[in-house]
Amino acid sequence: MSFGEALSTVYTQKYATFSGRARRSEYWWAYLGNLIVAMVLNVLVTVTHSSALQIVLVIFALAVLIPGLAVTVRRLHDTGRSGWWILIGLVPFVGAIVLLVFLVGDSQAGPNAYGPPVKNIDAYPVTA
């Protein structure tokens, strides 16, 4: 999945979809897009000291909160874990490391409790 496809999927097609699965590329491209925009806005706020840009930064953070959580839950589903594992990130230090390991892990092969695979989908025929 390309950068543009990932952003389109996360921010238009599956904005608040917490069910299903998300490939690693979908998650990390969306993460990179958020990071780039946030960094640019932070630099602009720091350089200009503009309160209007600070408001834009806050609005951006709120706008990407729900799709960010949704794609993270779908990514956890793709690894065969419940979306509730996202809460382990709240544990200081260790939780973030464990969550990172889960998010960089490979997809669970074949269908799982959260749906059909999104990677190598042609290898697994859909049965009714």
Protein backbone atom coordinates (compact mmCIF):
# COMPACT_ATOMS: atom_id res chain seq x y z
CA MET A 1 0.00 0.00 0.00
CA SER A 2 1.37 3.39 -0.97
CA PHE A 3 1.48 6.56 1.11
CA GLY A 4 -1.49 8.09 -0.70
CA GLU A 5 -3.57 4.92 -0.54
CA ALA A 6 -2.92 4.60 3.18
CA LEU A 7 -3.94 8.18 3.90
CA SER A 8 -7.04 7.81 1.75
CA THR A 9 -8.03 4.61 3.52
CA VAL A 10 -7.43 5.90 7.04
CA TYR A 11 -8.92 9.39 6.66
CA THR A 12 -11.78 8.89 4.21
CA GLN A 13 -12.82 5.25 3.84
CA LYS A 14 -12.24 4.02 7.41
CA TYR A 15 -12.17 7.23 9.49
CA ALA A 16 -13.80 5.71 12.59
CA THR A 17 -13.81 2.00 11.68
CA PHE A 18 -12.50 -0.04 14.59
CA SER A 19 -13.38 -3.43 13.10
CA GLY A 20 -11.37 -5.38 10.57
CA ARG A 21 -7.66 -5.45 9.95
CA ALA A 22 -4.98 -2.99 8.78
CA ARG A 23 -1.69 -3.87 7.15
CA ARG A 24 1.59 -2.64 8.55
CA SER A 25 2.03 -0.29 5.61
CA GLU A 26 -1.39 1.29 6.18
CA TYR A 27 -0.61 1.95 9.84
CA TRP A 28 2.94 3.25 9.39
CA TRP A 29 2.19 5.45 6.35
CA ALA A 30 -0.67 7.07 8.27
CA TYR A 31 1.63 7.49 11.28
CA LEU A 32 4.28 9.12 9.06
CA GLY A 33 1.70 11.47 7.53
CA ASN A 34 0.53 12.56 10.99
CA LEU A 35 4.12 13.00 12.15
CA ILE A 36 5.09 15.17 9.18
CA VAL A 37 2.07 17.47 9.50
CA ALA A 38 2.49 17.77 13.28
CA MET A 39 6.20 18.56 12.94
CA VAL A 40 5.59 21.23 10.30
CA LEU A 41 2.85 22.83 12.41
CA ASN A 42 5.04 22.72 15.53
CA VAL A 43 7.93 24.39 13.71
CA LEU A 44 5.60 27.08 12.35
CA VAL A 45 4.14 27.71 15.82
CA THR A 46 7.63 27.91 17.33
CA VAL A 47 8.95 30.28 14.66
CA THR A 48 5.92 32.57 14.40
CA HIS A 49 4.53 32.37 17.96
CA SER A 50 1.12 32.56 16.31
CA SER A 51 -1.86 31.70 18.47
CA ALA A 52 -3.88 31.03 15.29
CA LEU A 53 -1.40 28.32 14.30
CA GLN A 54 -1.58 26.88 17.80
CA ILE A 55 -5.32 26.55 17.34
CA VAL A 56 -4.75 24.87 13.96
CA LEU A 57 -2.35 22.43 15.66
CA VAL A 58 -4.92 21.57 18.32
CA ILE A 59 -7.64 21.12 15.69
CA PHE A 60 -5.32 18.85 13.69
CA ALA A 61 -4.54 16.77 16.79
CA LEU A 62 -8.25 16.36 17.53
CA ALA A 63 -9.05 15.55 13.89
CA VAL A 64 -6.52 12.71 13.72
CA LEU A 65 -7.27 11.28 17.17
CA ILE A 66 -10.18 9.00 16.18
CA PRO A 67 -8.69 7.69 12.90
CA GLY A 68 -5.35 7.19 14.67
CA LEU A 69 -6.96 5.08 17.36
CA ALA A 70 -9.02 3.20 14.76
CA VAL A 71 -6.05 2.27 12.57
CA THR A 72 -4.08 1.21 15.65
CA VAL A 73 -6.92 -1.08 16.76
CA ARG A 74 -7.20 -2.53 13.24
CA ARG A 75 -3.41 -3.06 13.19
CA LEU A 76 -3.63 -4.96 16.49
CA HIS A 77 -6.45 -7.02 15.00
CA ASP A 78 -4.20 -7.87 12.05
CA THR A 79 -1.65 -9.34 14.44
CA GLY A 80 -4.36 -11.44 16.09
CA ARG A 81 -4.71 -9.29 19.21
CA SER A 82 -7.71 -7.54 20.68
CA GLY A 83 -7.91 -3.79 20.17
CA TRP A 84 -7.95 -3.42 23.95
CA TRP A 85 -4.19 -4.07 23.87
CA ILE A 86 -3.89 -0.40 22.90
CA LEU A 87 -4.33 0.39 26.59
CA ILE A 88 -0.99 -1.23 27.41
CA GLY A 89 0.54 1.92 25.97
CA LEU A 90 -0.64 3.72 29.12
CA VAL A 91 1.80 1.73 31.27
CA PRO A 92 4.88 3.95 31.70
CA PHE A 93 7.95 2.96 29.63
CA VAL A 94 7.29 -0.77 29.26
CA GLY A 95 3.79 -0.36 27.82
CA ALA A 96 4.94 1.77 24.90
CA ILE A 97 7.69 -0.71 24.06
CA VAL A 98 5.30 -3.68 24.16
CA LEU A 99 2.78 -1.81 21.99
CA LEU A 100 5.52 -0.92 19.51
CA VAL A 101 6.56 -4.58 19.27
CA PHE A 102 2.94 -5.55 18.59
CA LEU A 103 2.56 -2.86 15.91
CA VAL A 104 5.75 -3.76 14.01
CA GLY A 105 4.96 -7.49 14.06
CA ASP A 106 3.91 -9.33 10.94
CA SER A 107 0.28 -9.95 10.07
CA GLN A 108 -1.35 -13.13 11.28
CA ALA A 109 -1.49 -15.49 8.32
CA GLY A 110 -4.94 -16.40 7.12
CA PRO A 111 -8.29 -15.35 8.51
CA ASN A 112 -8.59 -14.65 12.21
CA ALA A 113 -11.36 -13.59 14.59
CA TYR A 114 -11.23 -10.04 13.17
CA GLY A 115 -11.71 -10.89 9.50
CA PRO A 116 -9.98 -12.11 6.39
CA PRO A 117 -6.34 -11.25 5.78
CA VAL A 118 -5.50 -7.94 4.15
CA LYS A 119 -2.04 -9.12 3.10
CA ASN A 120 -1.69 -11.76 0.35
CA ILE A 121 -5.47 -11.90 0.14
CA ASP A 122 -5.36 -13.96 -3.09
CA ALA A 123 -3.76 -16.86 -1.20
CA TYR A 124 -6.86 -17.29 0.98
CA PRO A 125 -10.12 -17.85 -0.92
CA VAL A 126 -13.21 -16.39 0.73
CA THR A 127 -15.71 -19.03 1.80
CA ALA A 128 -19.33 -18.31 2.51
